[in-house]
Amino acid sequence: MEKKQLTHSLTRRFYYLPLIFLFIASLGSGCKKSSQPDPCDGVLNEGMPTQVGLIFLDGQTGENILLTKSIDTAAITITPGPIDLKRGVIVKQPGAPMYGALVFAIADTKEGVFKYKIDIINAGSATLSYTGREEKTTDKCKAYYISITDPKIEDHPFTVSRTGSRIVFKITL
């Protein structure tokens, strides 16, 4: 009989103990202070890469060489190779903003002077150069960006126009 009272008193004494531990655990996890979240965490802060469009014009007729001679990208070599493309893309959709242009992305993630030599079999070549310059911003998620300045074709007469992240050259060969 004494044994039964002992177990009964222990059960009664520790009956609320699991509930007390559960209550303390829930309060402990709810009272943790966290550091301020980083406002730049998870923000994709990269813009479109700068695209260059090269429209090659015949010096005598004024016609677009890439379209009139039906030049394929296999006949074009760009040295050093642009980002993700070995030869660029020729835009052949009438009405497109860069219709008849050889389009490729250029390096706009580093400072410095850059040059690309574009060779087209049976048509000619041109050398594109530009300067990448670091510009500071007030955005704390992106302290600077690279600005493309002084884009030019070194060995032929040209005109240049710029729209957003696109630079279009009309080059007379």
N, C-alpha and C. Protein backbone atom coordinates (compact mmCIF):
# COMPACT_ATOMS: atom_id res chain seq x y z
N MET A 1 0.80 -1.18 0.00
CA MET A 1 0.00 0.00 0.00
C MET A 1 0.86 1.27 0.00
N GLU A 2 1.97 1.16 0.72
CA GLU A 2 2.85 2.29 0.78
C GLU A 2 3.49 2.56 -0.60
N LYS A 3 3.76 1.53 -1.33
CA LYS A 3 4.35 1.65 -2.66
C LYS A 3 3.40 2.37 -3.60
N LYS A 4 2.13 2.12 -3.49
CA LYS A 4 1.13 2.74 -4.35
C LYS A 4 1.04 4.23 -4.06
N GLN A 5 1.12 4.62 -2.79
CA GLN A 5 1.07 6.04 -2.44
C GLN A 5 2.31 6.77 -2.96
N LEU A 6 3.45 6.09 -2.91
CA LEU A 6 4.69 6.72 -3.37
C LEU A 6 4.62 7.04 -4.86
N THR A 7 4.19 6.12 -5.69
CA THR A 7 4.09 6.38 -7.12
C THR A 7 3.02 7.41 -7.42
N HIS A 8 1.94 7.39 -6.65
CA HIS A 8 0.87 8.36 -6.86
C HIS A 8 1.36 9.77 -6.53
N SER A 9 2.13 9.93 -5.48
CA SER A 9 2.63 11.25 -5.10
C SER A 9 3.68 11.75 -6.10
N LEU A 10 4.53 10.84 -6.63
CA LEU A 10 5.51 11.25 -7.64
C LEU A 10 4.82 11.67 -8.94
N THR A 11 3.80 10.95 -9.33
CA THR A 11 3.05 11.29 -10.53
C THR A 11 2.41 12.66 -10.37
N ARG A 12 1.82 12.91 -9.22
CA ARG A 12 1.18 14.18 -8.99
C ARG A 12 2.18 15.32 -8.94
N ARG A 13 3.34 15.06 -8.41
CA ARG A 13 4.36 16.08 -8.28
C ARG A 13 4.94 16.47 -9.65
N PHE A 14 5.17 15.52 -10.54
CA PHE A 14 5.79 15.78 -11.84
C PHE A 14 4.78 15.86 -12.98
N TYR A 15 3.53 15.93 -12.67
CA TYR A 15 2.48 15.96 -13.68
C TYR A 15 2.60 17.21 -14.56
N TYR A 16 2.89 18.36 -14.00
CA TYR A 16 2.96 19.62 -14.73
C TYR A 16 4.36 19.92 -15.27
N LEU A 17 5.33 19.12 -14.95
CA LEU A 17 6.70 19.36 -15.37
C LEU A 17 6.86 19.42 -16.90
N PRO A 18 6.32 18.48 -17.69
CA PRO A 18 6.45 18.59 -19.16
C PRO A 18 5.78 19.85 -19.70
N LEU A 19 4.67 20.25 -19.13
CA LEU A 19 4.00 21.46 -19.58
C LEU A 19 4.84 22.71 -19.28
N ILE A 20 5.50 22.70 -18.13
CA ILE A 20 6.36 23.83 -17.76
C ILE A 20 7.55 23.91 -18.72
N PHE A 21 8.18 22.78 -19.07
CA PHE A 21 9.29 22.78 -20.03
C PHE A 21 8.84 23.27 -21.41
N LEU A 22 7.67 22.87 -21.84
CA LEU A 22 7.14 23.30 -23.13
C LEU A 22 6.90 24.80 -23.13
N PHE A 23 6.37 25.34 -22.05
CA PHE A 23 6.11 26.77 -21.93
C PHE A 23 7.42 27.56 -21.96
N ILE A 24 8.44 27.09 -21.24
CA ILE A 24 9.74 27.77 -21.20
C ILE A 24 10.41 27.72 -22.57
N ALA A 25 10.30 26.59 -23.25
CA ALA A 25 10.92 26.45 -24.59
C ALA A 25 10.27 27.40 -25.58
N SER A 26 8.96 27.56 -25.53
CA SER A 26 8.29 28.46 -26.46
C SER A 26 8.61 29.91 -26.15
N LEU A 27 8.75 30.28 -24.89
CA LEU A 27 9.13 31.64 -24.54
C LEU A 27 10.58 31.91 -24.93
N GLY A 28 11.44 30.96 -24.75
CA GLY A 28 12.86 31.13 -25.07
C GLY A 28 13.08 31.37 -26.54
N SER A 29 12.39 30.66 -27.40
CA SER A 29 12.59 30.84 -28.84
C SER A 29 11.92 32.11 -29.32
N GLY A 30 10.87 32.55 -28.68
CA GLY A 30 10.19 33.77 -29.08
C GLY A 30 10.91 35.03 -28.64
N CYS A 31 11.76 34.96 -27.69
CA CYS A 31 12.45 36.13 -27.16
C CYS A 31 13.82 36.35 -27.78
N LYS A 32 14.22 35.53 -28.72
CA LYS A 32 15.52 35.71 -29.35
C LYS A 32 15.51 37.00 -30.16
N LYS A 33 16.57 37.78 -30.00
CA LYS A 33 16.69 39.01 -30.77
C LYS A 33 17.52 38.69 -32.00
N SER A 34 17.05 39.18 -33.12
CA SER A 34 17.78 38.93 -34.36
C SER A 34 18.44 40.23 -34.81
N SER A 35 19.47 40.10 -35.60
CA SER A 35 20.14 41.27 -36.13
C SER A 35 19.28 41.88 -37.24
N GLN A 36 19.57 43.10 -37.58
CA GLN A 36 18.81 43.78 -38.63
C GLN A 36 19.02 43.03 -39.95
N PRO A 37 17.96 42.81 -40.70
CA PRO A 37 18.13 42.11 -41.97
C PRO A 37 18.89 42.99 -42.97
N ASP A 38 19.68 42.36 -43.81
CA ASP A 38 20.44 43.06 -44.83
C ASP A 38 19.48 43.45 -45.95
N PRO A 39 19.30 44.75 -46.24
CA PRO A 39 18.36 45.15 -47.29
C PRO A 39 18.80 44.71 -48.67
N CYS A 40 20.07 44.36 -48.83
CA CYS A 40 20.57 43.93 -50.14
C CYS A 40 20.54 42.42 -50.30
N ASP A 41 20.19 41.70 -49.23
CA ASP A 41 20.17 40.25 -49.29
C ASP A 41 19.07 39.78 -50.25
N GLY A 42 19.44 39.01 -51.22
CA GLY A 42 18.48 38.46 -52.17
C GLY A 42 18.14 39.41 -53.31
N VAL A 43 18.79 40.58 -53.38
CA VAL A 43 18.52 41.53 -54.44
C VAL A 43 19.45 41.25 -55.62
N LEU A 44 18.87 41.03 -56.77
CA LEU A 44 19.66 40.86 -57.99
C LEU A 44 19.95 42.25 -58.51
N ASN A 45 21.21 42.63 -58.49
CA ASN A 45 21.56 44.01 -58.78
C ASN A 45 22.42 44.11 -60.03
N GLU A 46 22.12 43.35 -61.01
CA GLU A 46 22.85 43.42 -62.26
C GLU A 46 21.90 43.85 -63.37
N GLY A 47 22.37 44.72 -64.19
CA GLY A 47 21.56 45.18 -65.31
C GLY A 47 21.81 44.33 -66.54
N MET A 48 21.20 44.74 -67.61
CA MET A 48 21.43 44.07 -68.90
C MET A 48 22.87 44.31 -69.33
N PRO A 49 23.51 43.32 -69.91
CA PRO A 49 24.85 43.57 -70.44
C PRO A 49 24.74 44.54 -71.62
N THR A 50 25.78 45.32 -71.82
CA THR A 50 25.78 46.26 -72.92
C THR A 50 25.88 45.49 -74.23
N GLN A 51 24.98 45.81 -75.15
CA GLN A 51 24.99 45.17 -76.47
C GLN A 51 25.50 46.16 -77.50
N VAL A 52 26.28 45.63 -78.42
CA VAL A 52 26.79 46.44 -79.53
C VAL A 52 26.19 45.90 -80.81
N GLY A 53 25.71 46.80 -81.64
CA GLY A 53 25.21 46.44 -82.96
C GLY A 53 26.09 47.11 -84.01
N LEU A 54 26.62 46.32 -84.91
CA LEU A 54 27.48 46.85 -85.98
C LEU A 54 26.78 46.68 -87.32
N ILE A 55 26.48 47.79 -87.97
CA ILE A 55 25.86 47.76 -89.30
C ILE A 55 26.96 48.16 -90.28
N PHE A 56 27.34 47.23 -91.15
CA PHE A 56 28.41 47.46 -92.11
C PHE A 56 27.81 47.94 -93.42
N LEU A 57 28.19 49.14 -93.85
CA LEU A 57 27.66 49.72 -95.09
C LEU A 57 28.75 49.74 -96.17
N ASP A 58 28.34 49.43 -97.39
CA ASP A 58 29.25 49.50 -98.53
C ASP A 58 29.54 50.97 -98.81
N GLY A 59 30.81 51.34 -98.93
CA GLY A 59 31.20 52.73 -99.14
C GLY A 59 30.75 53.29 -100.48
N GLN A 60 30.53 52.43 -101.48
CA GLN A 60 30.14 52.90 -102.81
C GLN A 60 28.62 52.92 -102.98
N THR A 61 27.94 51.87 -102.51
CA THR A 61 26.50 51.78 -102.75
C THR A 61 25.66 52.19 -101.53
N GLY A 62 26.24 52.15 -100.35
CA GLY A 62 25.50 52.48 -99.14
C GLY A 62 24.62 51.34 -98.64
N GLU A 63 24.71 50.18 -99.29
CA GLU A 63 23.89 49.03 -98.89
C GLU A 63 24.49 48.30 -97.69
N ASN A 64 23.65 47.63 -96.95
CA ASN A 64 24.08 46.84 -95.80
C ASN A 64 24.80 45.59 -96.30
N ILE A 65 26.07 45.47 -96.00
CA ILE A 65 26.89 44.36 -96.50
C ILE A 65 26.44 43.02 -95.95
N LEU A 66 26.08 42.96 -94.67
CA LEU A 66 25.67 41.68 -94.07
C LEU A 66 24.42 41.12 -94.73
N LEU A 67 23.51 41.99 -95.17
CA LEU A 67 22.27 41.51 -95.79
C LEU A 67 22.42 41.28 -97.28
N THR A 68 23.08 42.19 -98.00
CA THR A 68 23.17 42.04 -99.46
C THR A 68 24.08 40.90 -99.87
N LYS A 69 25.11 40.61 -99.11
CA LYS A 69 26.02 39.51 -99.44
C LYS A 69 25.61 38.22 -98.73
N SER A 70 24.48 38.22 -98.02
CA SER A 70 23.98 37.04 -97.29
C SER A 70 25.07 36.40 -96.43
N ILE A 71 25.74 37.22 -95.66
CA ILE A 71 26.82 36.73 -94.81
C ILE A 71 26.23 36.01 -93.60
N ASP A 72 26.80 34.85 -93.31
CA ASP A 72 26.38 34.05 -92.16
C ASP A 72 27.36 34.30 -91.01
N THR A 73 26.92 34.03 -89.79
CA THR A 73 27.80 34.23 -88.64
C THR A 73 29.03 33.33 -88.68
N ALA A 74 28.98 32.24 -89.44
CA ALA A 74 30.15 31.35 -89.56
C ALA A 74 31.31 32.07 -90.27
N ALA A 75 31.00 33.13 -91.02
CA ALA A 75 32.04 33.88 -91.74
C ALA A 75 32.59 35.03 -90.91
N ILE A 76 32.14 35.16 -89.66
CA ILE A 76 32.54 36.28 -88.80
C ILE A 76 33.36 35.76 -87.63
N THR A 77 34.45 36.45 -87.34
CA THR A 77 35.27 36.12 -86.18
C THR A 77 35.43 37.39 -85.35
N ILE A 78 35.14 37.27 -84.05
CA ILE A 78 35.31 38.39 -83.13
C ILE A 78 36.40 38.01 -82.15
N THR A 79 37.45 38.85 -82.07
CA THR A 79 38.57 38.56 -81.19
C THR A 79 38.78 39.73 -80.24
N PRO A 80 38.90 39.58 -78.96
CA PRO A 80 38.58 38.38 -78.19
C PRO A 80 37.09 38.13 -78.21
N GLY A 81 36.69 36.91 -77.93
CA GLY A 81 35.29 36.52 -78.02
C GLY A 81 34.40 37.27 -77.04
N PRO A 82 33.23 37.73 -77.49
CA PRO A 82 32.31 38.39 -76.58
C PRO A 82 31.68 37.39 -75.60
N ILE A 83 30.96 37.91 -74.65
CA ILE A 83 30.34 37.11 -73.60
C ILE A 83 29.36 36.11 -74.22
N ASP A 84 29.52 34.84 -73.95
CA ASP A 84 28.60 33.76 -74.30
C ASP A 84 28.39 33.54 -75.80
N LEU A 85 28.93 34.34 -76.66
CA LEU A 85 28.76 34.12 -78.10
C LEU A 85 30.13 34.17 -78.76
N LYS A 86 30.38 33.25 -79.67
CA LYS A 86 31.66 33.24 -80.36
C LYS A 86 31.66 34.13 -81.59
N ARG A 87 30.49 34.28 -82.20
CA ARG A 87 30.44 35.02 -83.45
C ARG A 87 29.39 36.13 -83.48
N GLY A 88 28.59 36.27 -82.48
CA GLY A 88 27.54 37.27 -82.50
C GLY A 88 26.31 36.75 -83.23
N VAL A 89 25.34 37.62 -83.39
CA VAL A 89 24.09 37.28 -84.06
C VAL A 89 23.79 38.36 -85.09
N ILE A 90 23.37 37.97 -86.26
CA ILE A 90 22.95 38.94 -87.27
C ILE A 90 21.43 39.04 -87.21
N VAL A 91 20.93 40.24 -86.97
CA VAL A 91 19.48 40.46 -86.86
C VAL A 91 18.92 40.59 -88.27
N LYS A 92 18.05 39.64 -88.65
CA LYS A 92 17.49 39.61 -90.01
C LYS A 92 15.97 39.78 -90.02
N GLN A 93 15.42 40.27 -88.93
CA GLN A 93 13.97 40.47 -88.86
C GLN A 93 13.65 41.90 -89.26
N PRO A 94 12.96 42.10 -90.40
CA PRO A 94 12.60 43.46 -90.81
C PRO A 94 11.77 44.15 -89.71
N GLY A 95 12.08 45.41 -89.49
CA GLY A 95 11.36 46.17 -88.48
C GLY A 95 12.00 46.12 -87.10
N ALA A 96 12.95 45.22 -86.90
CA ALA A 96 13.65 45.13 -85.60
C ALA A 96 14.55 46.37 -85.45
N PRO A 97 14.72 46.86 -84.23
CA PRO A 97 15.55 48.07 -84.04
C PRO A 97 16.97 47.93 -84.55
N MET A 98 17.52 46.73 -84.54
CA MET A 98 18.89 46.53 -85.01
C MET A 98 18.91 45.69 -86.28
N TYR A 99 17.93 45.89 -87.13
CA TYR A 99 17.83 45.13 -88.39
C TYR A 99 19.11 45.29 -89.21
N GLY A 100 19.69 44.17 -89.62
CA GLY A 100 20.89 44.17 -90.45
C GLY A 100 22.17 44.35 -89.67
N ALA A 101 22.12 44.28 -88.36
CA ALA A 101 23.31 44.52 -87.54
C ALA A 101 23.87 43.21 -87.00
N LEU A 102 25.18 43.19 -86.83
CA LEU A 102 25.83 42.13 -86.10
C LEU A 102 25.78 42.55 -84.64
N VAL A 103 25.15 41.74 -83.79
CA VAL A 103 24.92 42.11 -82.39
C VAL A 103 25.67 41.14 -81.48
N PHE A 104 26.35 41.70 -80.48
CA PHE A 104 26.99 40.88 -79.45
C PHE A 104 27.14 41.71 -78.18
N ALA A 105 27.31 41.01 -77.06
CA ALA A 105 27.48 41.67 -75.77
C ALA A 105 28.96 41.94 -75.54
N ILE A 106 29.25 43.06 -74.89
CA ILE A 106 30.64 43.41 -74.58
C ILE A 106 30.85 43.41 -73.07
N ALA A 107 32.11 43.36 -72.67
CA ALA A 107 32.45 43.33 -71.25
C ALA A 107 32.15 44.68 -70.62
N ASP A 108 31.22 44.67 -69.65
CA ASP A 108 30.92 45.92 -68.94
C ASP A 108 30.93 45.68 -67.43
N THR A 109 31.84 44.81 -66.99
CA THR A 109 31.94 44.49 -65.56
C THR A 109 33.30 44.86 -64.98
N LYS A 110 34.21 45.39 -65.83
CA LYS A 110 35.55 45.75 -65.37
C LYS A 110 35.94 47.11 -65.93
N GLU A 111 36.85 47.76 -65.22
CA GLU A 111 37.42 49.01 -65.72
C GLU A 111 38.52 48.69 -66.73
N GLY A 112 38.77 49.62 -67.62
CA GLY A 112 39.88 49.47 -68.54
C GLY A 112 39.51 49.80 -69.97
N VAL A 113 40.48 49.67 -70.83
CA VAL A 113 40.30 49.89 -72.27
C VAL A 113 40.15 48.52 -72.92
N PHE A 114 39.13 48.39 -73.76
CA PHE A 114 38.84 47.10 -74.40
C PHE A 114 38.81 47.28 -75.91
N LYS A 115 39.24 46.23 -76.62
CA LYS A 115 39.22 46.23 -78.09
C LYS A 115 38.69 44.89 -78.57
N TYR A 116 37.90 44.97 -79.63
CA TYR A 116 37.41 43.77 -80.32
C TYR A 116 37.71 43.94 -81.80
N LYS A 117 38.31 42.93 -82.38
CA LYS A 117 38.55 42.93 -83.83
C LYS A 117 37.49 42.05 -84.47
N ILE A 118 36.77 42.61 -85.42
CA ILE A 118 35.70 41.89 -86.11
C ILE A 118 36.16 41.64 -87.54
N ASP A 119 36.34 40.38 -87.90
CA ASP A 119 36.76 39.99 -89.26
C ASP A 119 35.59 39.32 -89.94
N ILE A 120 35.28 39.79 -91.14
CA ILE A 120 34.21 39.19 -91.95
C ILE A 120 34.85 38.73 -93.25
N ILE A 121 34.79 37.43 -93.49
CA ILE A 121 35.40 36.86 -94.71
C ILE A 121 34.75 37.49 -95.94
N ASN A 122 35.58 37.92 -96.89
CA ASN A 122 35.17 38.52 -98.16
C ASN A 122 34.41 39.84 -98.00
N ALA A 123 34.53 40.50 -96.85
CA ALA A 123 33.85 41.78 -96.68
C ALA A 123 34.77 42.82 -96.04
N GLY A 124 35.62 42.43 -95.11
CA GLY A 124 36.51 43.39 -94.45
C GLY A 124 36.59 43.15 -92.96
N SER A 125 37.17 44.12 -92.28
CA SER A 125 37.30 44.01 -90.83
C SER A 125 37.18 45.39 -90.21
N ALA A 126 36.94 45.40 -88.92
CA ALA A 126 36.84 46.65 -88.16
C ALA A 126 37.31 46.37 -86.73
N THR A 127 37.79 47.43 -86.08
CA THR A 127 38.23 47.30 -84.70
C THR A 127 37.40 48.23 -83.83
N LEU A 128 36.68 47.63 -82.89
CA LEU A 128 35.85 48.36 -81.94
C LEU A 128 36.66 48.56 -80.66
N SER A 129 36.66 49.79 -80.13
CA SER A 129 37.32 50.02 -78.84
C SER A 129 36.43 50.91 -77.98
N TYR A 130 36.58 50.78 -76.68
CA TYR A 130 35.84 51.60 -75.72
C TYR A 130 36.55 51.54 -74.38
N THR A 131 36.13 52.39 -73.48
CA THR A 131 36.69 52.43 -72.13
C THR A 131 35.59 52.13 -71.13
N GLY A 132 35.88 51.22 -70.21
CA GLY A 132 34.97 50.94 -69.09
C GLY A 132 35.44 51.74 -67.89
N ARG A 133 34.58 52.62 -67.39
CA ARG A 133 34.96 53.49 -66.28
C ARG A 133 34.02 53.27 -65.10
N GLU A 134 34.59 53.14 -63.91
CA GLU A 134 33.80 52.92 -62.70
C GLU A 134 33.14 54.23 -62.26
N GLU A 135 31.82 54.20 -62.07
CA GLU A 135 31.05 55.36 -61.62
C GLU A 135 30.42 55.03 -60.28
N LYS A 136 30.58 55.91 -59.30
CA LYS A 136 29.99 55.69 -57.97
C LYS A 136 28.51 56.00 -58.00
N THR A 137 27.75 55.28 -57.15
CA THR A 137 26.32 55.52 -57.02
C THR A 137 25.98 55.79 -55.55
N THR A 138 24.75 56.21 -55.30
CA THR A 138 24.28 56.41 -53.93
C THR A 138 23.53 55.19 -53.42
N ASP A 139 23.39 54.18 -54.25
CA ASP A 139 22.69 52.95 -53.88
C ASP A 139 23.61 52.10 -53.00
N LYS A 140 23.17 51.80 -51.76
CA LYS A 140 24.05 51.03 -50.89
C LYS A 140 24.12 49.56 -51.27
N CYS A 141 23.23 49.08 -52.10
CA CYS A 141 23.30 47.70 -52.57
C CYS A 141 24.28 47.54 -53.73
N LYS A 142 24.54 48.61 -54.43
CA LYS A 142 25.50 48.58 -55.54
C LYS A 142 26.26 49.90 -55.51
N ALA A 143 27.46 49.87 -54.96
CA ALA A 143 28.23 51.09 -54.72
C ALA A 143 28.75 51.73 -56.01
N TYR A 144 28.85 50.95 -57.09
CA TYR A 144 29.34 51.50 -58.36
C TYR A 144 28.78 50.70 -59.53
N TYR A 145 28.92 51.25 -60.71
CA TYR A 145 28.61 50.54 -61.94
C TYR A 145 29.68 50.90 -62.96
N ILE A 146 29.78 50.12 -64.01
CA ILE A 146 30.77 50.39 -65.06
C ILE A 146 30.07 51.09 -66.22
N SER A 147 30.56 52.27 -66.53
CA SER A 147 30.02 53.06 -67.62
C SER A 147 30.88 52.86 -68.87
N ILE A 148 30.24 52.61 -70.00
CA ILE A 148 30.95 52.45 -71.27
C ILE A 148 31.11 53.84 -71.88
N THR A 149 32.37 54.28 -72.02
CA THR A 149 32.63 55.61 -72.56
C THR A 149 33.53 55.51 -73.78
N ASP A 150 33.47 56.53 -74.60
CA ASP A 150 34.32 56.67 -75.77
C ASP A 150 34.28 55.46 -76.71
N PRO A 151 33.07 54.98 -77.07
CA PRO A 151 33.03 53.86 -78.03
C PRO A 151 33.37 54.37 -79.44
N LYS A 152 34.22 53.64 -80.12
CA LYS A 152 34.60 54.07 -81.47
C LYS A 152 35.08 52.90 -82.30
N ILE A 153 35.06 53.12 -83.61
CA ILE A 153 35.64 52.19 -84.59
C ILE A 153 36.94 52.83 -85.03
N GLU A 154 38.04 52.14 -84.85
CA GLU A 154 39.36 52.74 -85.04
C GLU A 154 39.80 52.88 -86.50
N ASP A 155 39.32 52.03 -87.39
CA ASP A 155 39.91 51.99 -88.72
C ASP A 155 38.96 52.32 -89.87
N HIS A 156 37.75 52.82 -89.59
CA HIS A 156 36.80 53.17 -90.64
C HIS A 156 35.93 54.34 -90.17
N PRO A 157 35.38 55.10 -91.12
CA PRO A 157 34.43 56.14 -90.73
C PRO A 157 33.16 55.49 -90.16
N PHE A 158 32.54 56.14 -89.16
CA PHE A 158 31.38 55.54 -88.51
C PHE A 158 30.51 56.63 -87.90
N THR A 159 29.28 56.26 -87.62
CA THR A 159 28.39 57.06 -86.77
C THR A 159 27.94 56.14 -85.65
N VAL A 160 27.65 56.71 -84.50
CA VAL A 160 27.25 55.91 -83.35
C VAL A 160 25.99 56.51 -82.73
N SER A 161 25.11 55.62 -82.29
CA SER A 161 23.92 56.05 -81.54
C SER A 161 23.78 55.12 -80.34
N ARG A 162 23.17 55.67 -79.30
CA ARG A 162 23.07 54.91 -78.05
C ARG A 162 21.63 54.97 -77.55
N THR A 163 21.09 53.78 -77.19
CA THR A 163 19.76 53.69 -76.62
C THR A 163 19.83 52.74 -75.44
N GLY A 164 19.76 53.27 -74.23
CA GLY A 164 19.83 52.43 -73.03
C GLY A 164 21.13 51.66 -72.97
N SER A 165 21.04 50.34 -72.94
CA SER A 165 22.25 49.51 -72.86
C SER A 165 22.68 49.01 -74.24
N ARG A 166 22.23 49.69 -75.30
CA ARG A 166 22.61 49.31 -76.67
C ARG A 166 23.39 50.43 -77.34
N ILE A 167 24.46 50.05 -78.01
CA ILE A 167 25.27 50.99 -78.79
C ILE A 167 25.26 50.48 -80.22
N VAL A 168 24.83 51.33 -81.17
CA VAL A 168 24.73 50.91 -82.57
C VAL A 168 25.69 51.76 -83.40
N PHE A 169 26.56 51.07 -84.14
CA PHE A 169 27.51 51.71 -85.04
C PHE A 169 27.08 51.47 -86.47
N LYS A 170 27.17 52.51 -87.30
CA LYS A 170 27.05 52.35 -88.76
C LYS A 170 28.44 52.61 -89.31
N ILE A 171 29.03 51.55 -89.86
CA ILE A 171 30.42 51.58 -90.29
C ILE A 171 30.47 51.54 -91.82
N THR A 172 31.21 52.46 -92.39
CA THR A 172 31.37 52.48 -93.85
C THR A 172 32.68 51.79 -94.21
N LEU A 173 32.56 50.69 -94.97
CA LEU A 173 33.76 49.94 -95.40
C LEU A 173 34.16 50.36 -96.80
